[in-house]
Amino acid sequence: MSVVIENIPTRESSEIAETPKPAATAQLRGLLGRNVWALADQVLMSGTNFVTQALVLRAMAMDGQAGKDEFGTFSTIYSSLLFANILQSTLITQPHNVLGVTRSGEEYRRYTTSTAFAQFWMLLLEATIAIVIAIVVGKNDPHVRAMLIALVPSIVFWQLQEFVRRVMYTERRFGAAFINDLISYGGQTLVLAGMYFGRRYWGYPFTGAMALHALAWTSAVAAGIGFWQIRGSVHRTADRHGVRENWHFGKWLAGGEIMGYFSSIHMQVLWAAWLVGMAASADLRAAQILFGPTRVIAFFLGTVLPIRFARTLHDRGMKALHHEIRVVYLVLAPMVGVYCGLLACFPEKLLHLVYGAKYVAGEAALILTLYSICAFLNYMQMVVQAALTATRQTRSIFISSVWGCFIALAASPIFIKRFQGPGAMIGMIVTTVVVTGMLILAYRKHLASPKERIAT
């Protein structure tokens, strides 16, 4: 169920300025290059995320409305787990991915060691906050308390596993990252599948706390193996300069991602729980799960694409970067458009196929249609954001996210109160359009050539 808010950086051998415009299949081959393991890793994560979350939903739905409400509670707590991961992604792993590719030898090992120390301090702070919340918020509800307690190891071990796999991504050790994810995500899928069938055929309990513990302890095993895998990437001494550089690079990303969180589906799940009820949160989460198979694209856009863009800029300059952005859009738009179009046009059939009759009734189908529109716009937005990240224009991302946050905080409660669950999607579409427009303006200002600015 990790999400974890990740084409692959390759060094092209030919001069792109003299290369005739290739067909879409040739462009896709160029993006993938030799990195088959990286693609396999993203497919593994996307597929297992989709399967595990669908299993959790179906298992809890066996208890009727009470189970749907529990899944809504689980979704709100899971959303807080994803919020904690924003700090890791923006302040730890994304800086390492972008800044680490320019280092080598002893300098790289000291930098990685410093980043690891920063990761451990961050986990100590996050775990402390999670424990306090579990004590205060969960004191009157044993089910909520159990899930909040399970949240603590989930935060710690999920982030440790994510740290080691992202270090391997910086080093382009995609096969090693795949093996580690096979242990974590594959193990998590097997455990949750066993729990689901135990609930379905033998009546064993299946709770949100049990699902979070499955996530935590499979991640713990993979993290332990992962630190052994990257043992050659650390040093006995740390580099304080690396920590400061990570902070200066990531602070705007962190601010932007936090602002973006308030306009994301995760915040809409929380708004729906507070304003409408847990059943509405469950419907929103059900729509989001159906986009699990496309998370291979989201991982590419959010994690791997900035690495590739940064390496392209470092090796071949801005002209090559502009060309690569165009290639990504040429491949991405039809690929994402087909998937989102199918979900938008046939929501009832797909909801029934994956979840059964319970999630076809009510507002779930309309929510899925609106979410499909929003998702397509968001994928297009992520390419521009990756380009700005790779060129260290993270302040522009932050400013755009601030505006998106203000719009979402003002509009989402109004739309949700007026239109219930579908109102959350309307608010997200409005916010996405505004933020995308601002990112495009930032790209034109800081990255586009004078000729491109005149042409547009």
Protein backbone atom coordinates (compact mmCIF):
# COMPACT_ATOMS: atom_id res chain seq x y z
CA MET A 1 0.00 0.00 0.00
CA SER A 2 3.01 2.23 -0.22
CA VAL A 3 2.80 4.94 -2.11
CA VAL A 4 5.02 6.48 -2.06
CA ILE A 5 4.32 10.14 -3.51
CA GLU A 6 8.94 7.56 -8.97
CA ASN A 7 12.35 7.94 -17.63
CA ILE A 8 15.21 6.72 -15.99
CA PRO A 9 18.39 8.74 -16.41
CA THR A 10 20.37 7.48 -19.38
CA ARG A 11 23.18 8.98 -21.41
CA GLU A 12 22.19 9.14 -25.05
CA SER A 13 24.99 8.51 -27.55
CA SER A 14 23.75 10.56 -30.48
CA GLU A 15 23.24 14.27 -30.97
CA ILE A 16 19.53 14.95 -30.69
CA ALA A 17 19.73 18.12 -32.75
CA GLU A 18 20.59 16.09 -35.85
CA THR A 19 18.22 13.20 -35.17
CA PRO A 20 15.02 13.02 -37.23
CA LYS A 21 11.79 12.95 -35.28
CA PRO A 22 11.22 9.30 -34.26
CA ALA A 23 7.98 7.39 -34.10
CA ALA A 24 6.22 6.96 -30.75
CA THR A 25 7.52 3.42 -30.29
CA ALA A 26 11.08 4.51 -30.93
CA GLN A 27 10.64 7.41 -28.49
CA LEU A 28 9.37 5.03 -25.83
CA ARG A 29 12.39 2.79 -26.38
CA GLY A 30 14.62 5.83 -26.01
CA LEU A 31 13.01 6.74 -22.70
CA LEU A 32 13.37 3.23 -21.30
CA GLY A 33 16.85 2.65 -22.65
CA ARG A 34 18.51 -0.28 -20.95
CA ASN A 35 16.63 0.17 -17.70
CA VAL A 36 14.30 -2.80 -17.86
CA TRP A 37 14.72 -3.44 -14.14
CA ALA A 38 13.56 0.07 -13.33
CA LEU A 39 10.40 -0.44 -15.36
CA ALA A 40 9.84 -3.82 -13.71
CA ASP A 41 10.25 -2.19 -10.30
CA GLN A 42 7.61 0.43 -11.03
CA VAL A 43 5.21 -2.19 -12.40
CA LEU A 44 5.74 -4.28 -9.26
CA MET A 45 4.98 -1.37 -6.96
CA SER A 46 1.96 -0.20 -8.93
CA GLY A 47 0.47 -3.67 -9.23
CA THR A 48 0.95 -4.64 -5.60
CA ASN A 49 -0.37 -1.27 -4.38
CA PHE A 50 -3.52 -1.77 -6.39
CA VAL A 51 -4.03 -5.38 -5.26
CA THR A 52 -3.36 -4.78 -1.56
CA GLN A 53 -5.61 -1.75 -1.24
CA ALA A 54 -8.41 -3.48 -3.13
CA LEU A 55 -8.05 -6.47 -0.78
CA VAL A 56 -8.28 -4.22 2.28
CA LEU A 57 -11.41 -2.54 0.92
CA ARG A 58 -13.13 -5.80 -0.02
CA ALA A 59 -12.26 -7.45 3.30
CA MET A 60 -13.73 -4.60 5.32
CA ALA A 61 -16.78 -4.35 3.04
CA MET A 62 -17.79 -7.85 4.21
CA ASP A 63 -18.96 -6.23 7.45
CA GLY A 64 -21.52 -4.06 5.64
CA GLN A 65 -21.90 -0.39 6.50
CA ALA A 66 -19.77 -0.77 9.63
CA GLY A 67 -16.97 -2.16 7.50
CA LYS A 68 -17.30 0.68 5.00
CA ASP A 69 -17.06 3.18 7.85
CA GLU A 70 -13.98 1.39 9.17
CA PHE A 71 -12.40 1.59 5.72
CA GLY A 72 -13.14 5.31 5.77
CA THR A 73 -11.32 5.58 9.11
CA PHE A 74 -8.46 3.52 7.75
CA SER A 75 -8.27 5.83 4.73
CA THR A 76 -7.99 8.96 6.88
CA ILE A 77 -5.17 7.45 8.95
CA TYR A 78 -3.46 6.16 5.83
CA SER A 79 -3.64 9.69 4.41
CA SER A 80 -1.73 10.95 7.46
CA LEU A 81 0.93 8.31 6.77
CA LEU A 82 1.31 9.71 3.27
CA PHE A 83 1.60 13.21 4.69
CA ALA A 84 4.57 12.08 6.80
CA ASN A 85 6.17 10.64 3.69
CA ILE A 86 6.06 14.06 2.03
CA LEU A 87 8.77 15.26 4.42
CA GLN A 88 11.00 12.33 3.57
CA SER A 89 10.48 12.69 -0.17
CA THR A 90 11.19 16.41 -0.35
CA LEU A 91 13.91 16.80 2.29
CA ILE A 92 15.71 13.45 2.01
CA THR A 93 15.17 11.29 -1.06
CA GLN A 94 14.51 13.80 -3.84
CA PRO A 95 17.57 15.90 -2.91
CA HIS A 96 19.66 12.71 -2.86
CA ASN A 97 18.35 11.68 -6.28
CA VAL A 98 19.08 15.04 -7.89
CA LEU A 99 22.21 16.18 -6.00
CA GLY A 100 23.72 12.73 -5.54
CA VAL A 101 24.12 12.06 -9.27
CA THR A 102 26.78 14.80 -9.48
CA ARG A 103 28.95 13.22 -6.73
CA SER A 104 31.26 10.20 -6.78
CA GLY A 105 33.73 8.29 -4.64
CA GLU A 106 34.37 9.43 -1.07
CA GLU A 107 32.44 12.64 -1.59
CA TYR A 108 29.32 10.65 -2.52
CA ARG A 109 29.67 8.27 0.44
CA ARG A 110 30.02 11.12 2.93
CA TYR A 111 27.01 12.83 1.36
CA THR A 112 24.90 9.64 1.55
CA THR A 113 25.91 9.10 5.18
CA SER A 114 24.87 12.64 6.07
CA THR A 115 21.54 12.14 4.34
CA ALA A 116 21.02 8.90 6.28
CA PHE A 117 21.63 10.67 9.59
CA ALA A 118 19.09 13.34 8.63
CA GLN A 119 16.62 10.55 7.80
CA PHE A 120 17.00 8.97 11.25
CA TRP A 121 16.44 12.29 13.03
CA MET A 122 13.34 12.92 10.94
CA LEU A 123 11.94 9.49 11.83
CA LEU A 124 12.52 10.12 15.54
CA LEU A 125 10.49 13.34 15.32
CA GLU A 126 7.68 11.78 13.26
CA ALA A 127 7.39 8.73 15.51
CA THR A 128 7.19 10.93 18.60
CA ILE A 129 4.38 13.00 17.09
CA ALA A 130 2.52 9.84 16.01
CA ILE A 131 2.71 8.39 19.54
CA VAL A 132 1.32 11.58 21.06
CA ILE A 133 -1.55 11.59 18.55
CA ALA A 134 -2.32 7.94 19.31
CA ILE A 135 -2.54 8.70 23.02
CA VAL A 136 -4.68 11.83 22.66
CA VAL A 137 -6.96 11.01 19.71
CA GLY A 138 -7.43 7.29 20.27
CA LYS A 139 -8.27 7.27 23.96
CA ASN A 140 -12.04 6.96 23.42
CA ASP A 141 -12.14 4.51 20.49
CA PRO A 142 -10.18 1.23 20.69
CA HIS A 143 -10.33 0.65 16.90
CA VAL A 144 -8.94 4.10 16.14
CA ARG A 145 -6.32 3.72 18.87
CA ALA A 146 -5.17 0.38 17.46
CA MET A 147 -4.75 1.87 13.98
CA LEU A 148 -2.89 4.91 15.32
CA ILE A 149 -0.52 2.68 17.30
CA ALA A 150 0.13 0.62 14.16
CA LEU A 151 0.84 3.88 12.35
CA VAL A 152 4.09 4.38 14.30
CA PRO A 153 6.05 1.34 12.97
CA SER A 154 4.44 1.91 9.57
CA ILE A 155 5.99 5.39 9.32
CA VAL A 156 9.40 4.24 10.56
CA PHE A 157 9.93 1.10 8.50
CA TRP A 158 8.20 2.30 5.33
CA GLN A 159 10.48 5.35 5.21
CA LEU A 160 13.60 3.34 5.98
CA GLN A 161 12.81 0.96 3.13
CA GLU A 162 12.04 3.88 0.83
CA PHE A 163 15.35 5.52 1.77
CA VAL A 164 17.48 2.54 0.76
CA ARG A 165 15.60 1.96 -2.51
CA ARG A 166 15.94 5.62 -3.50
CA VAL A 167 19.69 5.52 -2.77
CA MET A 168 19.87 2.58 -5.17
CA TYR A 169 17.93 4.64 -7.71
CA THR A 170 20.49 7.45 -7.46
CA GLU A 171 23.19 4.86 -8.15
CA ARG A 172 21.13 3.37 -11.01
CA ARG A 173 21.12 -0.04 -9.30
CA PHE A 174 17.61 -0.77 -10.48
CA GLY A 175 17.92 -4.54 -10.27
CA ALA A 176 18.88 -4.32 -6.59
CA ALA A 177 15.96 -1.94 -5.94
CA PHE A 178 13.61 -4.38 -7.66
CA ILE A 179 14.74 -7.24 -5.40
CA ASN A 180 14.25 -5.10 -2.32
CA ASP A 181 10.76 -4.01 -3.43
CA LEU A 182 9.89 -7.61 -4.22
CA ILE A 183 10.57 -8.43 -0.57
CA SER A 184 8.64 -5.41 0.75
CA TYR A 185 5.71 -4.99 -1.61
CA GLY A 186 5.53 -8.61 -2.70
CA GLY A 187 5.66 -9.79 0.91
CA GLN A 188 3.00 -7.28 1.89
CA THR A 189 0.73 -8.56 -0.88
CA LEU A 190 1.12 -12.18 0.22
CA VAL A 191 0.39 -11.33 3.86
CA LEU A 192 -2.70 -9.26 3.07
CA ALA A 193 -3.97 -11.85 0.59
CA GLY A 194 -3.70 -14.50 3.31
CA MET A 195 -5.55 -12.23 5.73
CA TYR A 196 -8.27 -11.55 3.12
CA PHE A 197 -8.92 -15.20 2.34
CA GLY A 198 -8.85 -16.00 6.05
CA ARG A 199 -11.58 -13.40 6.55
CA ARG A 200 -13.62 -14.55 3.57
CA TYR A 201 -13.54 -18.32 4.06
CA TRP A 202 -12.88 -18.86 7.76
CA GLY A 203 -14.18 -15.70 9.39
CA TYR A 204 -10.87 -14.53 10.82
CA PRO A 205 -10.76 -10.82 11.78
CA PHE A 206 -9.40 -8.26 9.34
CA THR A 207 -8.90 -4.77 10.76
CA GLY A 208 -7.21 -1.57 9.67
CA ALA A 209 -4.59 -2.02 12.39
CA MET A 210 -3.71 -5.48 11.07
CA ALA A 211 -3.31 -4.06 7.54
CA LEU A 212 -0.94 -1.34 8.80
CA HIS A 213 1.11 -3.88 10.75
CA ALA A 214 1.44 -5.98 7.58
CA LEU A 215 2.81 -2.90 5.81
CA ALA A 216 5.18 -2.07 8.68
CA TRP A 217 6.82 -5.43 9.24
CA THR A 218 7.30 -6.42 5.60
CA SER A 219 8.92 -3.00 5.11
CA ALA A 220 11.12 -3.66 8.15
CA VAL A 221 12.49 -6.88 6.64
CA ALA A 222 13.19 -5.16 3.32
CA ALA A 223 14.81 -2.17 5.04
CA GLY A 224 17.21 -4.44 6.95
CA ILE A 225 18.25 -6.16 3.74
CA GLY A 226 18.40 -2.82 1.96
CA PHE A 227 20.93 -1.32 4.36
CA TRP A 228 23.13 -4.32 3.70
CA GLN A 229 22.70 -3.69 -0.04
CA ILE A 230 23.92 -0.08 0.25
CA ARG A 231 26.67 -0.77 2.79
CA GLY A 232 29.28 0.34 0.25
CA SER A 233 27.53 3.68 -0.21
CA VAL A 234 28.13 4.99 3.31
CA HIS A 235 31.18 6.36 5.08
CA ARG A 236 32.36 6.58 8.66
CA THR A 237 32.16 10.37 8.56
CA ALA A 238 29.31 12.67 7.55
CA ASP A 239 29.28 15.84 5.50
CA ARG A 240 27.39 18.72 7.12
CA HIS A 241 27.59 20.67 3.90
CA GLY A 242 25.52 17.93 2.24
CA VAL A 243 22.78 18.25 4.84
CA ARG A 244 22.64 22.02 4.36
CA GLU A 245 22.54 21.59 0.59
CA ASN A 246 19.68 19.10 0.92
CA TRP A 247 17.79 21.60 3.05
CA HIS A 248 18.28 24.50 0.67
CA PHE A 249 17.24 22.31 -2.25
CA GLY A 250 14.32 20.61 -0.54
CA LYS A 251 12.78 23.32 1.63
CA TRP A 252 10.80 24.80 -1.24
CA LEU A 253 9.83 21.33 -2.42
CA ALA A 254 8.66 20.47 1.09
CA GLY A 255 6.61 23.64 1.34
CA GLY A 256 5.17 23.05 -2.11
CA GLU A 257 4.29 19.42 -1.42
CA ILE A 258 2.69 20.29 1.91
CA MET A 259 0.67 22.97 0.20
CA GLY A 260 -0.16 20.49 -2.54
CA TYR A 261 -1.31 17.96 0.03
CA PHE A 262 -4.12 20.29 1.06
CA SER A 263 -5.47 20.18 -2.49
CA SER A 264 -4.87 16.44 -3.01
CA ILE A 265 -7.22 13.47 -2.81
CA HIS A 266 -5.76 12.65 0.61
CA MET A 267 -6.96 15.95 2.05
CA GLN A 268 -10.33 15.48 0.34
CA VAL A 269 -10.65 12.16 2.16
CA LEU A 270 -10.14 14.00 5.44
CA TRP A 271 -12.56 16.80 4.50
CA ALA A 272 -15.21 14.25 3.54
CA ALA A 273 -14.77 12.38 6.82
CA TRP A 274 -15.17 15.59 8.84
CA LEU A 275 -17.99 17.19 6.85
CA VAL A 276 -20.00 14.28 5.42
CA GLY A 277 -19.00 11.01 7.06
CA MET A 278 -16.68 8.02 6.78
CA ALA A 279 -18.73 6.45 3.96
CA ALA A 280 -17.93 9.41 1.69
CA SER A 281 -14.23 9.01 2.51
CA ALA A 282 -14.48 5.35 1.55
CA ASP A 283 -16.01 6.28 -1.84
CA LEU A 284 -13.21 8.74 -2.56
CA ARG A 285 -10.58 6.21 -1.60
CA ALA A 286 -12.27 3.55 -3.75
CA ALA A 287 -11.98 5.82 -6.79
CA GLN A 288 -8.32 6.53 -6.06
CA ILE A 289 -7.45 2.83 -5.75
CA LEU A 290 -8.60 2.21 -9.33
CA PHE A 291 -5.72 4.38 -10.47
CA GLY A 292 -3.27 1.99 -8.84
CA PRO A 293 -2.14 0.49 -12.17
CA THR A 294 -1.13 3.96 -13.41
CA ARG A 295 1.13 4.60 -10.43
CA VAL A 296 3.98 3.25 -12.50
CA ILE A 297 3.51 6.47 -14.48
CA ALA A 298 3.23 8.57 -11.32
CA PHE A 299 6.45 7.08 -9.93
CA PHE A 300 8.16 7.85 -13.22
CA LEU A 301 6.93 11.43 -13.26
CA GLY A 302 7.50 12.17 -9.58
CA THR A 303 10.79 10.41 -8.86
CA VAL A 304 12.62 9.03 -11.87
CA LEU A 305 11.84 11.84 -14.32
CA PRO A 306 13.55 14.57 -12.23
CA ILE A 307 16.65 12.33 -12.03
CA ARG A 308 16.64 11.82 -15.79
CA PHE A 309 16.07 15.52 -16.47
CA ALA A 310 18.85 16.50 -14.05
CA ARG A 311 21.31 14.12 -15.70
CA THR A 312 20.30 15.28 -19.18
CA LEU A 313 20.81 18.92 -18.19
CA HIS A 314 24.15 18.14 -16.56
CA ASP A 315 25.46 16.07 -19.49
CA ARG A 316 23.99 17.75 -22.59
CA GLY A 317 22.50 21.10 -21.66
CA MET A 318 19.18 22.92 -21.80
CA LYS A 319 18.43 22.22 -25.46
CA ALA A 320 18.51 18.49 -24.82
CA LEU A 321 16.26 18.96 -21.81
CA HIS A 322 13.62 20.79 -23.88
CA HIS A 323 13.68 17.97 -26.45
CA GLU A 324 13.27 15.33 -23.77
CA ILE A 325 10.29 17.14 -22.24
CA ARG A 326 8.55 17.14 -25.63
CA VAL A 327 9.22 13.42 -26.06
CA VAL A 328 7.75 12.66 -22.65
CA TYR A 329 4.56 14.54 -23.46
CA LEU A 330 4.24 12.84 -26.85
CA VAL A 331 4.33 9.41 -25.18
CA LEU A 332 2.50 10.28 -21.96
CA ALA A 333 -0.62 12.10 -23.18
CA PRO A 334 -2.16 9.26 -25.25
CA MET A 335 -1.11 6.59 -22.76
CA VAL A 336 -2.74 8.31 -19.78
CA GLY A 337 -5.64 9.58 -21.87
CA VAL A 338 -6.81 6.08 -22.82
CA TYR A 339 -6.79 4.83 -19.23
CA CYS A 340 -8.49 7.89 -17.76
CA GLY A 341 -11.03 7.88 -20.59
CA LEU A 342 -12.05 4.28 -19.90
CA LEU A 343 -12.57 4.99 -16.20
CA ALA A 344 -14.52 8.16 -16.96
CA CYS A 345 -16.83 6.47 -19.50
CA PHE A 346 -17.51 3.16 -17.73
CA PRO A 347 -17.37 3.90 -13.98
CA GLU A 348 -20.24 1.64 -12.86
CA LYS A 349 -18.91 -1.46 -14.62
CA LEU A 350 -15.39 -1.01 -13.31
CA LEU A 351 -16.52 -0.33 -9.74
CA HIS A 352 -18.70 -3.44 -9.79
CA LEU A 353 -15.90 -5.55 -11.26
CA VAL A 354 -13.34 -4.58 -8.60
CA TYR A 355 -15.45 -3.97 -5.48
CA GLY A 356 -18.89 -5.49 -6.00
CA ALA A 357 -22.33 -3.90 -5.89
CA LYS A 358 -21.78 -1.83 -2.73
CA TYR A 359 -19.53 0.73 -4.45
CA VAL A 360 -21.68 1.07 -7.57
CA ALA A 361 -24.62 2.59 -5.72
CA GLY A 362 -24.66 6.22 -4.62
CA GLU A 363 -22.08 8.77 -5.70
CA ALA A 364 -19.09 6.50 -6.32
CA ALA A 365 -19.54 6.38 -10.13
CA LEU A 366 -19.73 10.17 -10.52
CA ILE A 367 -16.75 10.57 -8.19
CA LEU A 368 -14.74 8.18 -10.39
CA THR A 369 -15.62 10.07 -13.58
CA LEU A 370 -14.57 13.41 -12.11
CA TYR A 371 -11.45 11.91 -10.58
CA SER A 372 -10.42 10.59 -14.02
CA ILE A 373 -10.52 14.12 -15.45
CA CYS A 374 -8.51 15.47 -12.54
CA ALA A 375 -5.94 12.67 -12.75
CA PHE A 376 -5.25 13.31 -16.44
CA LEU A 377 -4.64 17.01 -15.79
CA ASN A 378 -2.41 16.18 -12.84
CA TYR A 379 -0.20 13.82 -14.87
CA MET A 380 0.34 16.54 -17.45
CA GLN A 381 1.25 18.94 -14.65
CA MET A 382 3.86 16.59 -13.18
CA VAL A 383 6.09 16.78 -16.27
CA VAL A 384 6.50 20.54 -15.91
CA GLN A 385 7.09 20.12 -12.18
CA ALA A 386 9.80 17.52 -12.84
CA ALA A 387 11.57 19.93 -15.21
CA LEU A 388 11.46 22.73 -12.64
CA THR A 389 12.74 20.35 -9.94
CA ALA A 390 15.65 19.15 -12.08
CA THR A 391 16.69 22.75 -12.79
CA ARG A 392 16.38 23.68 -9.08
CA GLN A 393 13.50 26.09 -9.66
CA THR A 394 11.78 24.66 -6.59
CA ARG A 395 10.69 28.06 -5.34
CA SER A 396 8.35 28.35 -8.33
CA ILE A 397 6.80 25.00 -7.40
CA PHE A 398 6.30 26.25 -3.86
CA ILE A 399 4.60 29.47 -4.95
CA SER A 400 2.25 27.60 -7.28
CA SER A 401 1.40 25.15 -4.53
CA VAL A 402 0.65 27.97 -2.09
CA TRP A 403 -1.95 29.36 -4.46
CA GLY A 404 -3.36 25.87 -4.98
CA CYS A 405 -3.52 25.37 -1.24
CA PHE A 406 -5.42 28.61 -0.65
CA ILE A 407 -7.91 27.79 -3.41
CA ALA A 408 -8.44 24.25 -2.12
CA LEU A 409 -8.86 25.27 1.51
CA ALA A 410 -11.40 27.89 0.51
CA ALA A 411 -13.30 25.91 -2.11
CA SER A 412 -13.22 22.27 -1.00
CA PRO A 413 -15.37 22.61 2.15
CA ILE A 414 -17.92 24.64 0.19
CA PHE A 415 -18.07 22.16 -2.70
CA ILE A 416 -18.20 19.14 -0.36
CA LYS A 417 -21.00 20.61 1.76
CA ARG A 418 -22.95 21.47 -1.41
CA PHE A 419 -22.27 18.40 -3.60
CA GLN A 420 -21.06 15.79 -1.05
CA GLY A 421 -18.34 13.45 -2.38
CA PRO A 422 -18.38 14.73 -6.00
CA GLY A 423 -17.78 18.23 -4.65
CA ALA A 424 -14.32 17.13 -3.53
CA MET A 425 -13.47 16.26 -7.13
CA ILE A 426 -14.80 19.56 -8.45
CA GLY A 427 -12.56 21.43 -6.02
CA MET A 428 -9.55 19.35 -7.08
CA ILE A 429 -10.15 20.01 -10.79
CA VAL A 430 -10.32 23.77 -10.21
CA THR A 431 -7.15 23.70 -8.13
CA THR A 432 -5.24 21.54 -10.62
CA VAL A 433 -6.05 23.88 -13.51
CA VAL A 434 -4.79 26.93 -11.60
CA VAL A 435 -1.57 25.27 -10.38
CA THR A 436 -0.77 23.83 -13.81
CA GLY A 437 -1.16 27.26 -15.38
CA MET A 438 1.23 28.80 -12.87
CA LEU A 439 3.85 26.08 -13.39
CA ILE A 440 3.70 26.58 -17.15
CA LEU A 441 4.26 30.31 -16.68
CA ALA A 442 7.25 29.56 -14.42
CA TYR A 443 8.68 27.18 -17.02
CA ARG A 444 8.37 29.81 -19.75
CA LYS A 445 10.00 32.43 -17.55
CA HIS A 446 12.97 30.43 -16.27
CA LEU A 447 13.62 27.62 -18.75
CA ALA A 448 12.17 28.34 -22.17
CA SER A 449 14.43 29.94 -24.75
CA PRO A 450 13.56 33.41 -26.15
CA LYS A 451 12.52 31.74 -29.42
CA GLU A 452 10.14 29.41 -27.56
CA ARG A 453 8.66 32.27 -25.58
CA ILE A 454 7.95 34.19 -28.80
CA ALA A 455 6.42 31.11 -30.42
CA THR A 456 4.07 30.55 -27.52
